[in-house]
Amino acid sequence: MRDLDVGDVLDGYRVEGLLARGGMASIFRAVDEGSGEVVALKVPHLHYEADVVFWERFRREEEIALRLDHPNLVRARPPRREKTRVYLVMELVAGRSLAAVVREDGPLAPSRAVELARQAGEALAYLHAHGIVHGDVKPDNVLLGEDGRLRLLDFGVAHVETARRLTVSGLSASIGTPDYMAPEQLRGRAGDARADVFALGTMLYEMITGRLPYAGSDWEERLRAKRLEDPVPPSAHAPGLPPALDAVVMKAIAPDVAQRYPTAADLLADLRHPPPVVPAAAPPLVRRRRIDVRLVGAIAAIVAALAVVGGVAWLSHLRGAEDAAARAARAPSAAARP
């Protein structure tokens, strides 16, 4: 057996071209010779097919994909016949990835970015309602169809929250794309729905600003910043961004998982109707600073007063010394007395 190539026929699917090649699998454009339908075939790289755990994960991916039915998810197709190797049949969506859109078109208008995030949020809310965590939400896994509809794809690392997590040999337990992974995932924890929320919030940030929440010349620097720093608000890069939207994005990408939206449905609700932004009360530090200023002023006044008193005393001492010296000069010396 060898890796699939253009021109091959796999179980009645004629391979016409390569659409994408990832670290674990390739996606091909193919034609169903029986029906004439054009489909996408996701076929794992051959060396992974020998991994029993990978085979089980791929089987789980197909099982999850076949049971889902939502307009913002790429739909899977059941195979036409018994498989001779591991692969997944999916609908073929004509369009561009969100990664290509941001890369080629630059930052999007906030209204457009929110609309796309809302569609992605609809897909994730559907998954979360069924107990499924996508686990690898990123612009490369989002397709913008020519019909204007967004579709989320790739359930390669998706998992059911109640099921056992599977790890493929040679791969980290924290599988995903570092720039879009939540901080808790980087620490080795299995991500839940809030990890998907973080990834969606990061995508929305990127759509609005054209950059990621954490700065760095490479992903290692950005990961270091993600571990040690708080994200810069998107309004710092997009002047005029509505404060309510700024607050929604910052809550979605909160480093502390407890401060984040619990599910995509909660984020979706605020994307539809952003809550009013209430000005934060002055933190205690500000009041302490005011007290400190008054204290410094009082100390300065005391020091000034002491300086004046000390100056007067010093002048008096100098004057006394001068008077004594003058008297001594006028008086005859002891040696000159009879």
C-alpha atoms as a PDB file:
ATOM      1  CA  MET A   1       0.000   0.000   0.000  1.00  0.00           C
ATOM      2  CA  ARG A   2       1.171   3.555  -0.748  1.00  0.00           C
ATOM      3  CA  ASP A   3      -0.030   7.102  -0.143  1.00  0.00           C
ATOM      4  CA  LEU A   4      -2.924   8.133  -2.353  1.00  0.00           C
ATOM      5  CA  ASP A   5      -2.102  10.215  -5.414  1.00  0.00           C
ATOM      6  CA  VAL A   6      -3.906  12.084  -8.179  1.00  0.00           C
ATOM      7  CA  GLY A   7      -5.399   9.686 -10.730  1.00  0.00           C
ATOM      8  CA  ASP A   8      -5.932   6.860  -8.232  1.00  0.00           C
ATOM      9  CA  VAL A   9      -9.359   5.318  -7.662  1.00  0.00           C
ATOM     10  CA  LEU A  10     -10.250   4.532  -4.039  1.00  0.00           C
ATOM     11  CA  ASP A  11     -13.374   2.435  -3.466  1.00  0.00           C
ATOM     12  CA  GLY A  12     -15.178   4.083  -6.381  1.00  0.00           C
ATOM     13  CA  TYR A  13     -13.839   7.617  -5.778  1.00  0.00           C
ATOM     14  CA  ARG A  14     -11.578   8.941  -8.540  1.00  0.00           C
ATOM     15  CA  VAL A  15      -8.943  11.342  -7.167  1.00  0.00           C
ATOM     16  CA  GLU A  16      -8.694  14.515  -9.276  1.00  0.00           C
ATOM     17  CA  GLY A  17      -6.455  16.818  -7.242  1.00  0.00           C
ATOM     18  CA  LEU A  18      -4.844  17.668  -3.921  1.00  0.00           C
ATOM     19  CA  LEU A  19      -6.697  20.332  -1.901  1.00  0.00           C
ATOM     20  CA  ALA A  20      -4.562  20.451   1.234  1.00  0.00           C
ATOM     21  CA  ARG A  21      -1.837  18.504   2.998  1.00  0.00           C
ATOM     22  CA  GLY A  22      -1.557  18.588   6.779  1.00  0.00           C
ATOM     23  CA  GLY A  23       0.701  16.972   9.318  1.00  0.00           C
ATOM     24  CA  MET A  24      -1.523  13.937   9.724  1.00  0.00           C
ATOM     25  CA  ALA A  25      -3.617  13.682   6.562  1.00  0.00           C
ATOM     26  CA  SER A  26      -4.188  14.991   3.041  1.00  0.00           C
ATOM     27  CA  ILE A  27      -7.466  16.190   1.556  1.00  0.00           C
ATOM     28  CA  PHE A  28      -8.206  15.398  -2.079  1.00  0.00           C
ATOM     29  CA  ARG A  29     -10.828  16.488  -4.570  1.00  0.00           C
ATOM     30  CA  ALA A  30     -12.537  13.358  -5.882  1.00  0.00           C
ATOM     31  CA  VAL A  31     -15.507  12.293  -7.969  1.00  0.00           C
ATOM     32  CA  ASP A  32     -17.927   9.583  -6.960  1.00  0.00           C
ATOM     33  CA  GLU A  33     -17.926   7.423 -10.097  1.00  0.00           C
ATOM     34  CA  GLY A  34     -21.341   6.064  -9.211  1.00  0.00           C
ATOM     35  CA  SER A  35     -23.254   9.321  -8.687  1.00  0.00           C
ATOM     36  CA  GLY A  36     -20.942  11.874 -10.296  1.00  0.00           C
ATOM     37  CA  GLU A  37     -20.918  13.918  -7.063  1.00  0.00           C
ATOM     38  CA  VAL A  38     -17.750  15.878  -6.380  1.00  0.00           C
ATOM     39  CA  VAL A  39     -16.528  15.260  -2.827  1.00  0.00           C
ATOM     40  CA  ALA A  40     -13.519  15.781  -0.584  1.00  0.00           C
ATOM     41  CA  LEU A  41     -11.572  12.784   0.690  1.00  0.00           C
ATOM     42  CA  LYS A  42      -9.557  13.079   3.892  1.00  0.00           C
ATOM     43  CA  VAL A  43      -6.913  10.355   3.837  1.00  0.00           C
ATOM     44  CA  PRO A  44      -4.363   9.874   6.666  1.00  0.00           C
ATOM     45  CA  HIS A  45      -0.687   9.636   5.821  1.00  0.00           C
ATOM     46  CA  LEU A  46       0.271   6.017   5.468  1.00  0.00           C
ATOM     47  CA  HIS A  47       2.663   5.867   8.446  1.00  0.00           C
ATOM     48  CA  TYR A  48      -0.173   6.888  10.788  1.00  0.00           C
ATOM     49  CA  GLU A  49      -2.470   4.094   9.651  1.00  0.00           C
ATOM     50  CA  ALA A  50      -0.242   1.615  11.468  1.00  0.00           C
ATOM     51  CA  ASP A  51      -0.883   3.404  14.778  1.00  0.00           C
ATOM     52  CA  VAL A  52      -3.761   1.647  16.516  1.00  0.00           C
ATOM     53  CA  VAL A  53      -4.622   4.688  18.619  1.00  0.00           C
ATOM     54  CA  PHE A  54      -4.625   6.926  15.529  1.00  0.00           C
ATOM     55  CA  TRP A  55      -6.919   4.478  13.771  1.00  0.00           C
ATOM     56  CA  GLU A  56      -9.281   4.637  16.753  1.00  0.00           C
ATOM     57  CA  ARG A  57      -9.157   8.452  16.749  1.00  0.00           C
ATOM     58  CA  PHE A  58      -9.878   8.593  13.036  1.00  0.00           C
ATOM     59  CA  ARG A  59     -12.776   6.195  13.503  1.00  0.00           C
ATOM     60  CA  ARG A  60     -14.085   8.458  16.276  1.00  0.00           C
ATOM     61  CA  GLU A  61     -13.689  11.509  14.012  1.00  0.00           C
ATOM     62  CA  GLU A  62     -15.818   9.844  11.339  1.00  0.00           C
ATOM     63  CA  GLU A  63     -18.386   8.784  13.912  1.00  0.00           C
ATOM     64  CA  ILE A  64     -18.669  12.345  15.235  1.00  0.00           C
ATOM     65  CA  ALA A  65     -18.798  13.904  11.767  1.00  0.00           C
ATOM     66  CA  LEU A  66     -21.518  11.563  10.504  1.00  0.00           C
ATOM     67  CA  ARG A  67     -23.870  12.353  13.375  1.00  0.00           C
ATOM     68  CA  LEU A  68     -23.627  16.142  12.964  1.00  0.00           C
ATOM     69  CA  ASP A  69     -26.015  18.165  10.848  1.00  0.00           C
ATOM     70  CA  HIS A  70     -25.654  21.943  10.951  1.00  0.00           C
ATOM     71  CA  PRO A  71     -25.452  24.535   8.148  1.00  0.00           C
ATOM     72  CA  ASN A  72     -22.183  25.941   9.551  1.00  0.00           C
ATOM     73  CA  LEU A  73     -20.415  22.578   9.680  1.00  0.00           C
ATOM     74  CA  VAL A  74     -18.903  20.682   6.751  1.00  0.00           C
ATOM     75  CA  ARG A  75     -21.015  17.566   6.391  1.00  0.00           C
ATOM     76  CA  ALA A  76     -19.606  14.056   6.202  1.00  0.00           C
ATOM     77  CA  ARG A  77     -20.868  11.403   3.757  1.00  0.00           C
ATOM     78  CA  PRO A  78     -21.206   7.715   4.542  1.00  0.00           C
ATOM     79  CA  PRO A  79     -18.920   5.571   2.346  1.00  0.00           C
ATOM     80  CA  ARG A  80     -20.537   3.940  -0.692  1.00  0.00           C
ATOM     81  CA  ARG A  81     -19.018   0.536   0.036  1.00  0.00           C
ATOM     82  CA  GLU A  82     -16.830  -1.282   2.534  1.00  0.00           C
ATOM     83  CA  LYS A  83     -13.551   0.566   2.917  1.00  0.00           C
ATOM     84  CA  THR A  84     -10.248  -0.888   1.829  1.00  0.00           C
ATOM     85  CA  ARG A  85      -8.310   1.695   3.882  1.00  0.00           C
ATOM     86  CA  VAL A  86      -8.913   4.535   6.345  1.00  0.00           C
ATOM     87  CA  TYR A  87     -10.487   7.715   4.902  1.00  0.00           C
ATOM     88  CA  LEU A  88     -13.369  10.135   5.392  1.00  0.00           C
ATOM     89  CA  VAL A  89     -15.776  11.381   2.699  1.00  0.00           C
ATOM     90  CA  MET A  90     -16.998  14.999   3.058  1.00  0.00           C
ATOM     91  CA  GLU A  91     -18.940  17.547   1.057  1.00  0.00           C
ATOM     92  CA  LEU A  92     -16.714  19.756  -1.078  1.00  0.00           C
ATOM     93  CA  VAL A  93     -17.109  23.474  -0.313  1.00  0.00           C
ATOM     94  CA  ALA A  94     -15.990  25.956  -2.971  1.00  0.00           C
ATOM     95  CA  GLY A  95     -14.481  29.069  -1.424  1.00  0.00           C
ATOM     96  CA  ARG A  96     -11.535  30.353   0.600  1.00  0.00           C
ATOM     97  CA  SER A  97     -10.303  29.627   4.092  1.00  0.00           C
ATOM     98  CA  LEU A  98     -10.629  32.386   6.660  1.00  0.00           C
ATOM     99  CA  ALA A  99      -6.826  32.334   6.927  1.00  0.00           C
ATOM    100  CA  ALA A 100      -6.584  33.232   3.223  1.00  0.00           C
ATOM    101  CA  VAL A 101      -9.196  35.973   3.586  1.00  0.00           C
ATOM    102  CA  VAL A 102      -7.363  37.706   6.460  1.00  0.00           C
ATOM    103  CA  ARG A 103      -3.980  37.200   4.810  1.00  0.00           C
ATOM    104  CA  GLU A 104      -5.072  38.536   1.411  1.00  0.00           C
ATOM    105  CA  ASP A 105      -7.699  41.126   2.362  1.00  0.00           C
ATOM    106  CA  GLY A 106      -6.284  42.414   5.655  1.00  0.00           C
ATOM    107  CA  PRO A 107      -8.352  43.306   8.739  1.00  0.00           C
ATOM    108  CA  LEU A 108     -12.110  43.078   8.252  1.00  0.00           C
ATOM    109  CA  ALA A 109     -14.692  45.693   9.171  1.00  0.00           C
ATOM    110  CA  PRO A 110     -15.894  44.982  12.738  1.00  0.00           C
ATOM    111  CA  SER A 111     -19.444  44.294  11.518  1.00  0.00           C
ATOM    112  CA  ARG A 112     -18.162  41.706   9.021  1.00  0.00           C
ATOM    113  CA  ALA A 113     -15.858  40.134  11.597  1.00  0.00           C
ATOM    114  CA  VAL A 114     -18.715  39.845  14.089  1.00  0.00           C
ATOM    115  CA  GLU A 115     -20.976  38.253  11.472  1.00  0.00           C
ATOM    116  CA  LEU A 116     -18.374  35.592  10.668  1.00  0.00           C
ATOM    117  CA  ALA A 117     -17.669  35.003  14.363  1.00  0.00           C
ATOM    118  CA  ARG A 118     -21.403  34.657  14.913  1.00  0.00           C
ATOM    119  CA  GLN A 119     -21.634  31.924  12.275  1.00  0.00           C
ATOM    120  CA  ALA A 120     -18.657  30.100  13.771  1.00  0.00           C
ATOM    121  CA  GLY A 121     -20.264  30.542  17.184  1.00  0.00           C
ATOM    122  CA  GLU A 122     -23.467  28.930  15.885  1.00  0.00           C
ATOM    123  CA  ALA A 123     -21.470  25.872  14.828  1.00  0.00           C
ATOM    124  CA  LEU A 124     -19.619  25.657  18.145  1.00  0.00           C
ATOM    125  CA  ALA A 125     -22.790  26.185  20.184  1.00  0.00           C
ATOM    126  CA  TYR A 126     -24.322  23.249  18.301  1.00  0.00           C
ATOM    127  CA  LEU A 127     -21.267  21.098  19.075  1.00  0.00           C
ATOM    128  CA  HIS A 128     -21.188  22.081  22.741  1.00  0.00           C
ATOM    129  CA  ALA A 129     -24.897  21.328  23.098  1.00  0.00           C
ATOM    130  CA  HIS A 130     -24.047  17.789  21.936  1.00  0.00           C
ATOM    131  CA  GLY A 131     -21.141  17.486  24.368  1.00  0.00           C
ATOM    132  CA  ILE A 132     -18.495  17.799  21.644  1.00  0.00           C
ATOM    133  CA  VAL A 133     -15.365  19.966  21.876  1.00  0.00           C
ATOM    134  CA  HIS A 134     -13.826  20.805  18.492  1.00  0.00           C
ATOM    135  CA  GLY A 135     -10.339  21.341  19.915  1.00  0.00           C
ATOM    136  CA  ASP A 136      -8.696  22.923  16.854  1.00  0.00           C
ATOM    137  CA  VAL A 137     -10.657  26.051  15.948  1.00  0.00           C
ATOM    138  CA  LYS A 138      -8.468  28.241  13.718  1.00  0.00           C
ATOM    139  CA  PRO A 139      -8.778  30.231  10.466  1.00  0.00           C
ATOM    140  CA  ASP A 140      -7.359  27.327   8.416  1.00  0.00           C
ATOM    141  CA  ASN A 141     -10.271  25.173   9.592  1.00  0.00           C
ATOM    142  CA  VAL A 142     -12.911  27.717   8.602  1.00  0.00           C
ATOM    143  CA  LEU A 143     -14.184  27.900   5.028  1.00  0.00           C
ATOM    144  CA  LEU A 144     -16.058  30.850   3.548  1.00  0.00           C
ATOM    145  CA  GLY A 145     -18.175  29.389   0.790  1.00  0.00           C
ATOM    146  CA  GLU A 146     -18.996  31.140  -2.436  1.00  0.00           C
ATOM    147  CA  ASP A 147     -22.575  31.173  -1.143  1.00  0.00           C
ATOM    148  CA  GLY A 148     -21.431  33.491   1.678  1.00  0.00           C
ATOM    149  CA  ARG A 149     -21.884  30.848   4.353  1.00  0.00           C
ATOM    150  CA  LEU A 150     -19.158  29.958   6.840  1.00  0.00           C
ATOM    151  CA  ARG A 151     -18.403  26.307   7.551  1.00  0.00           C
ATOM    152  CA  LEU A 152     -16.238  24.834  10.283  1.00  0.00           C
ATOM    153  CA  LEU A 153     -14.387  21.647   9.395  1.00  0.00           C
ATOM    154  CA  ASP A 154     -11.809  19.136  10.632  1.00  0.00           C
ATOM    155  CA  PHE A 155     -12.792  17.041  13.634  1.00  0.00           C
ATOM    156  CA  GLY A 156      -9.393  15.368  13.808  1.00  0.00           C
ATOM    157  CA  VAL A 157      -8.840  16.343  17.441  1.00  0.00           C
ATOM    158  CA  ALA A 158     -12.501  16.742  18.425  1.00  0.00           C
ATOM    159  CA  HIS A 159     -13.645  14.754  21.418  1.00  0.00           C
ATOM    160  CA  VAL A 160     -16.784  14.020  23.350  1.00  0.00           C
ATOM    161  CA  GLU A 161     -16.377  15.531  26.821  1.00  0.00           C
ATOM    162  CA  THR A 162     -17.521  12.332  28.523  1.00  0.00           C
ATOM    163  CA  ALA A 163     -15.236  10.073  26.458  1.00  0.00           C
ATOM    164  CA  ARG A 164     -11.652   9.042  27.095  1.00  0.00           C
ATOM    165  CA  ARG A 165      -9.073  11.302  25.435  1.00  0.00           C
ATOM    166  CA  LEU A 166      -6.856   9.553  22.908  1.00  0.00           C
ATOM    167  CA  THR A 167      -3.228  10.471  22.198  1.00  0.00           C
ATOM    168  CA  VAL A 168      -1.453   9.369  19.039  1.00  0.00           C
ATOM    169  CA  SER A 169       2.055   7.965  19.384  1.00  0.00           C
ATOM    170  CA  GLY A 170       4.682  10.619  18.748  1.00  0.00           C
ATOM    171  CA  LEU A 171       2.241  13.493  19.273  1.00  0.00           C
ATOM    172  CA  SER A 172       1.745  15.707  22.307  1.00  0.00           C
ATOM    173  CA  ALA A 173      -1.258  15.196  24.546  1.00  0.00           C
ATOM    174  CA  SER A 174      -2.069  18.869  23.879  1.00  0.00           C
ATOM    175  CA  ILE A 175      -2.842  18.612  20.185  1.00  0.00           C
ATOM    176  CA  GLY A 176      -3.877  21.793  18.431  1.00  0.00           C
ATOM    177  CA  THR A 177      -2.462  24.959  16.916  1.00  0.00           C
ATOM    178  CA  PRO A 178      -0.391  26.910  19.508  1.00  0.00           C
ATOM    179  CA  ASP A 179      -1.509  30.442  18.540  1.00  0.00           C
ATOM    180  CA  TYR A 180      -5.171  29.496  19.043  1.00  0.00           C
ATOM    181  CA  MET A 181      -4.811  27.137  21.987  1.00  0.00           C
ATOM    182  CA  ALA A 182      -5.994  28.316  25.392  1.00  0.00           C
ATOM    183  CA  PRO A 183      -3.368  28.772  28.146  1.00  0.00           C
ATOM    184  CA  GLU A 184      -4.693  25.792  30.092  1.00  0.00           C
ATOM    185  CA  GLN A 185      -4.174  23.566  27.033  1.00  0.00           C
ATOM    186  CA  LEU A 186      -0.555  24.682  26.822  1.00  0.00           C
ATOM    187  CA  ARG A 187      -0.149  23.454  30.391  1.00  0.00           C
ATOM    188  CA  GLY A 188      -1.242  19.978  29.278  1.00  0.00           C
ATOM    189  CA  ARG A 189      -4.894  20.083  30.358  1.00  0.00           C
ATOM    190  CA  ALA A 190      -7.593  18.664  28.114  1.00  0.00           C
ATOM    191  CA  GLY A 191      -9.539  21.600  26.728  1.00  0.00           C
ATOM    192  CA  ASP A 192     -13.267  21.889  27.290  1.00  0.00           C
ATOM    193  CA  ALA A 193     -15.843  24.181  25.653  1.00  0.00           C
ATOM    194  CA  ARG A 194     -14.018  27.216  27.056  1.00  0.00           C
ATOM    195  CA  ALA A 195     -10.945  26.294  24.996  1.00  0.00           C
ATOM    196  CA  ASP A 196     -13.089  26.531  21.846  1.00  0.00           C
ATOM    197  CA  VAL A 197     -14.337  29.905  23.099  1.00  0.00           C
ATOM    198  CA  PHE A 198     -10.748  31.107  23.502  1.00  0.00           C
ATOM    199  CA  ALA A 199      -9.905  30.017  19.954  1.00  0.00           C
ATOM    200  CA  LEU A 200     -12.989  31.729  18.518  1.00  0.00           C
ATOM    201  CA  GLY A 201     -12.183  34.902  20.466  1.00  0.00           C
ATOM    202  CA  THR A 202      -8.632  34.797  19.088  1.00  0.00           C
ATOM    203  CA  MET A 203      -9.991  34.459  15.545  1.00  0.00           C
ATOM    204  CA  LEU A 204     -12.315  37.422  16.084  1.00  0.00           C
ATOM    205  CA  TYR A 205      -9.394  39.467  17.449  1.00  0.00           C
ATOM    206  CA  GLU A 206      -7.356  38.581  14.357  1.00  0.00           C
ATOM    207  CA  MET A 207     -10.182  39.418  11.967  1.00  0.00           C
ATOM    208  CA  ILE A 208     -10.584  42.871  13.539  1.00  0.00           C
ATOM    209  CA  THR A 209      -6.914  43.791  13.952  1.00  0.00           C
ATOM    210  CA  GLY A 210      -5.029  41.647  11.448  1.00  0.00           C
ATOM    211  CA  ARG A 211      -2.780  40.393  14.259  1.00  0.00           C
ATOM    212  CA  LEU A 212      -2.805  37.977  17.183  1.00  0.00           C
ATOM    213  CA  PRO A 213      -3.465  38.960  20.834  1.00  0.00           C
ATOM    214  CA  TYR A 214       0.100  38.112  21.871  1.00  0.00           C
ATOM    215  CA  ALA A 215       3.065  39.708  20.106  1.00  0.00           C
ATOM    216  CA  GLY A 216       6.197  37.869  19.036  1.00  0.00           C
ATOM    217  CA  SER A 217       8.305  37.254  15.965  1.00  0.00           C
ATOM    218  CA  ASP A 218       7.598  33.503  16.105  1.00  0.00           C
ATOM    219  CA  TRP A 219       5.162  31.162  17.793  1.00  0.00           C
ATOM    220  CA  GLU A 220       7.593  30.370  20.621  1.00  0.00           C
ATOM    221  CA  GLU A 221       7.759  34.047  21.637  1.00  0.00           C
ATOM    222  CA  ARG A 222       3.990  34.300  21.409  1.00  0.00           C
ATOM    223  CA  LEU A 223       3.586  31.220  23.597  1.00  0.00           C
ATOM    224  CA  ARG A 224       5.951  32.703  26.165  1.00  0.00           C
ATOM    225  CA  ALA A 225       3.911  35.911  26.158  1.00  0.00           C
ATOM    226  CA  LYS A 226       0.695  33.909  26.506  1.00  0.00           C
ATOM    227  CA  ARG A 227       2.064  32.236  29.634  1.00  0.00           C
ATOM    228  CA  LEU A 228       3.368  35.414  31.259  1.00  0.00           C
ATOM    229  CA  GLU A 229       1.362  38.387  29.999  1.00  0.00           C
ATOM    230  CA  ASP A 230      -2.196  39.597  29.547  1.00  0.00           C
ATOM    231  CA  PRO A 231      -3.452  40.174  26.002  1.00  0.00           C
ATOM    232  CA  VAL A 232      -3.507  43.697  24.585  1.00  0.00           C
ATOM    233  CA  PRO A 233      -7.119  44.850  23.936  1.00  0.00           C
ATOM    234  CA  PRO A 234      -8.040  44.836  20.231  1.00  0.00           C
ATOM    235  CA  SER A 235      -8.988  48.531  20.510  1.00  0.00           C
ATOM    236  CA  ALA A 236      -5.269  49.284  20.930  1.00  0.00           C
ATOM    237  CA  HIS A 237      -4.811  48.192  17.309  1.00  0.00           C
ATOM    238  CA  ALA A 238      -8.223  49.223  15.977  1.00  0.00           C
ATOM    239  CA  PRO A 239      -9.029  52.783  17.116  1.00  0.00           C
ATOM    240  CA  GLY A 240     -12.738  53.487  17.187  1.00  0.00           C
ATOM    241  CA  LEU A 241     -13.687  49.900  18.018  1.00  0.00           C
ATOM    242  CA  PRO A 242     -16.924  49.958  20.058  1.00  0.00           C
ATOM    243  CA  PRO A 243     -16.099  49.454  23.766  1.00  0.00           C
ATOM    244  CA  ALA A 244     -18.776  46.760  24.055  1.00  0.00           C
ATOM    245  CA  LEU A 245     -17.146  44.671  21.313  1.00  0.00           C
ATOM    246  CA  ASP A 246     -13.732  45.273  22.853  1.00  0.00           C
ATOM    247  CA  ALA A 247     -15.050  43.909  26.161  1.00  0.00           C
ATOM    248  CA  VAL A 248     -16.631  40.845  24.509  1.00  0.00           C
ATOM    249  CA  VAL A 249     -13.372  39.897  22.779  1.00  0.00           C
ATOM    250  CA  MET A 250     -11.351  40.357  25.977  1.00  0.00           C
ATOM    251  CA  LYS A 251     -13.747  38.140  27.927  1.00  0.00           C
ATOM    252  CA  ALA A 252     -13.530  35.449  25.243  1.00  0.00           C
ATOM    253  CA  ILE A 253      -9.711  35.370  25.413  1.00  0.00           C
ATOM    254  CA  ALA A 254      -9.377  35.811  29.174  1.00  0.00           C
ATOM    255  CA  PRO A 255      -6.253  33.891  30.311  1.00  0.00           C
ATOM    256  CA  ASP A 256      -8.074  32.757  33.449  1.00  0.00           C
ATOM    257  CA  VAL A 257     -10.479  30.072  32.305  1.00  0.00           C
ATOM    258  CA  ALA A 258     -12.900  30.995  35.114  1.00  0.00           C
ATOM    259  CA  GLN A 259     -13.259  34.520  33.662  1.00  0.00           C
ATOM    260  CA  ARG A 260     -14.083  33.278  30.160  1.00  0.00           C
ATOM    261  CA  TYR A 261     -17.472  32.555  28.578  1.00  0.00           C
ATOM    262  CA  PRO A 262     -18.494  29.037  29.699  1.00  0.00           C
ATOM    263  CA  THR A 263     -19.721  27.978  26.241  1.00  0.00           C
ATOM    264  CA  ALA A 264     -19.975  29.307  22.715  1.00  0.00           C
ATOM    265  CA  ALA A 265     -23.687  29.917  23.294  1.00  0.00           C
ATOM    266  CA  ASP A 266     -22.848  32.480  25.991  1.00  0.00           C
ATOM    267  CA  LEU A 267     -20.370  34.234  23.700  1.00  0.00           C
ATOM    268  CA  LEU A 268     -22.901  34.080  20.870  1.00  0.00           C
ATOM    269  CA  ALA A 269     -25.512  35.837  23.004  1.00  0.00           C
ATOM    270  CA  ASP A 270     -23.165  38.783  23.574  1.00  0.00           C
ATOM    271  CA  LEU A 271     -22.155  38.891  19.908  1.00  0.00           C
ATOM    272  CA  ARG A 272     -25.820  39.278  19.013  1.00  0.00           C
ATOM    273  CA  HIS A 273     -26.577  41.812  21.728  1.00  0.00           C
ATOM    274  CA  PRO A 274     -23.379  43.278  23.264  1.00  0.00           C
ATOM    275  CA  PRO A 275     -23.942  44.186  26.928  1.00  0.00           C
ATOM    276  CA  PRO A 276     -23.485  47.830  27.951  1.00  0.00           C
ATOM    277  CA  VAL A 277     -20.032  48.691  29.205  1.00  0.00           C
ATOM    278  CA  VAL A 278     -20.173  50.048  32.752  1.00  0.00           C
ATOM    279  CA  PRO A 279     -17.197  52.270  33.639  1.00  0.00           C
ATOM    280  CA  ALA A 280     -15.102  50.473  36.219  1.00  0.00           C
ATOM    281  CA  ALA A 281     -14.896  51.997  39.692  1.00  0.00           C
ATOM    282  CA  ALA A 282     -11.563  53.521  40.627  1.00  0.00           C
ATOM    283  CA  PRO A 283      -9.381  50.716  42.013  1.00  0.00           C
ATOM    284  CA  PRO A 284      -8.028  51.000  45.553  1.00  0.00           C
ATOM    285  CA  LEU A 285      -4.617  51.753  44.114  1.00  0.00           C
ATOM    286  CA  VAL A 286      -5.876  55.119  42.863  1.00  0.00           C
ATOM    287  CA  ARG A 287      -7.146  56.073  46.308  1.00  0.00           C
ATOM    288  CA  ARG A 288      -3.863  54.975  47.825  1.00  0.00           C
ATOM    289  CA  ARG A 289      -2.064  57.205  45.394  1.00  0.00           C
ATOM    290  CA  ARG A 290      -4.171  60.175  46.425  1.00  0.00           C
ATOM    291  CA  ILE A 291      -3.347  59.545  50.094  1.00  0.00           C
ATOM    292  CA  ASP A 292       0.280  59.183  49.165  1.00  0.00           C
ATOM    293  CA  VAL A 293       0.244  62.560  47.400  1.00  0.00           C
ATOM    294  CA  ARG A 294      -1.207  64.304  50.455  1.00  0.00           C
ATOM    295  CA  LEU A 295       1.304  62.561  52.692  1.00  0.00           C
ATOM    296  CA  VAL A 296       4.179  63.577  50.473  1.00  0.00           C
ATOM    297  CA  GLY A 297       2.921  67.170  50.555  1.00  0.00           C
ATOM    298  CA  ALA A 298       2.760  67.156  54.345  1.00  0.00           C
ATOM    299  CA  ILE A 299       6.229  65.696  54.620  1.00  0.00           C
ATOM    300  CA  ALA A 300       7.548  68.283  52.202  1.00  0.00           C
ATOM    301  CA  ALA A 301       5.997  71.081  54.289  1.00  0.00           C
ATOM    302  CA  ILE A 302       7.556  69.704  57.478  1.00  0.00           C
ATOM    303  CA  VAL A 303      10.944  69.370  55.829  1.00  0.00           C
ATOM    304  CA  ALA A 304      10.689  72.925  54.550  1.00  0.00           C
ATOM    305  CA  ALA A 305       9.782  74.212  58.016  1.00  0.00           C
ATOM    306  CA  LEU A 306      12.669  72.330  59.579  1.00  0.00           C
ATOM    307  CA  ALA A 307      14.933  73.692  56.924  1.00  0.00           C
ATOM    308  CA  VAL A 308      13.832  77.239  57.758  1.00  0.00           C
ATOM    309  CA  VAL A 309      14.297  76.656  61.492  1.00  0.00           C
ATOM    310  CA  GLY A 310      17.645  75.018  60.881  1.00  0.00           C
ATOM    311  CA  GLY A 311      18.661  77.861  58.627  1.00  0.00           C
ATOM    312  CA  VAL A 312      17.760  80.460  61.245  1.00  0.00           C
ATOM    313  CA  ALA A 313      19.651  78.550  63.895  1.00  0.00           C
ATOM    314  CA  TRP A 314      22.648  78.208  61.657  1.00  0.00           C
ATOM    315  CA  LEU A 315      22.576  81.917  60.820  1.00  0.00           C
ATOM    316  CA  SER A 316      22.331  82.754  64.557  1.00  0.00           C
ATOM    317  CA  HIS A 317      25.274  80.480  65.232  1.00  0.00           C
ATOM    318  CA  LEU A 318      27.292  82.124  62.481  1.00  0.00           C
ATOM    319  CA  ARG A 319      26.398  85.597  63.725  1.00  0.00           C
ATOM    320  CA  GLY A 320      27.366  84.634  67.310  1.00  0.00           C
ATOM    321  CA  ALA A 321      30.673  83.305  66.104  1.00  0.00           C
ATOM    322  CA  GLU A 322      31.326  86.469  64.129  1.00  0.00           C
ATOM    323  CA  ASP A 323      30.491  88.697  67.153  1.00  0.00           C
ATOM    324  CA  ALA A 324      32.828  86.678  69.390  1.00  0.00           C
ATOM    325  CA  ALA A 325      35.626  86.980  66.878  1.00  0.00           C
ATOM    326  CA  ALA A 326      35.125  90.762  66.671  1.00  0.00           C
ATOM    327  CA  ARG A 327      35.241  91.140  70.465  1.00  0.00           C
ATOM    328  CA  ALA A 328      38.393  89.068  70.620  1.00  0.00           C
ATOM    329  CA  ALA A 329      40.044  91.258  68.027  1.00  0.00           C
ATOM    330  CA  ARG A 330      39.249  94.472  69.991  1.00  0.00           C
ATOM    331  CA  ALA A 331      40.465  93.143  73.380  1.00  0.00           C
ATOM    332  CA  PRO A 332      44.283  93.306  74.234  1.00  0.00           C
ATOM    333  CA  SER A 333      46.055  89.998  74.334  1.00  0.00           C
ATOM    334  CA  ALA A 334      47.088  88.448  77.652  1.00  0.00           C
ATOM    335  CA  ALA A 335      50.798  88.785  76.759  1.00  0.00           C
ATOM    336  CA  ALA A 336      50.539  92.565  76.386  1.00  0.00           C
ATOM    337  CA  ARG A 337      49.049  93.116  79.878  1.00  0.00           C
ATOM    338  CA  PRO A 338      51.438  94.430  82.672  1.00  0.00           C
END
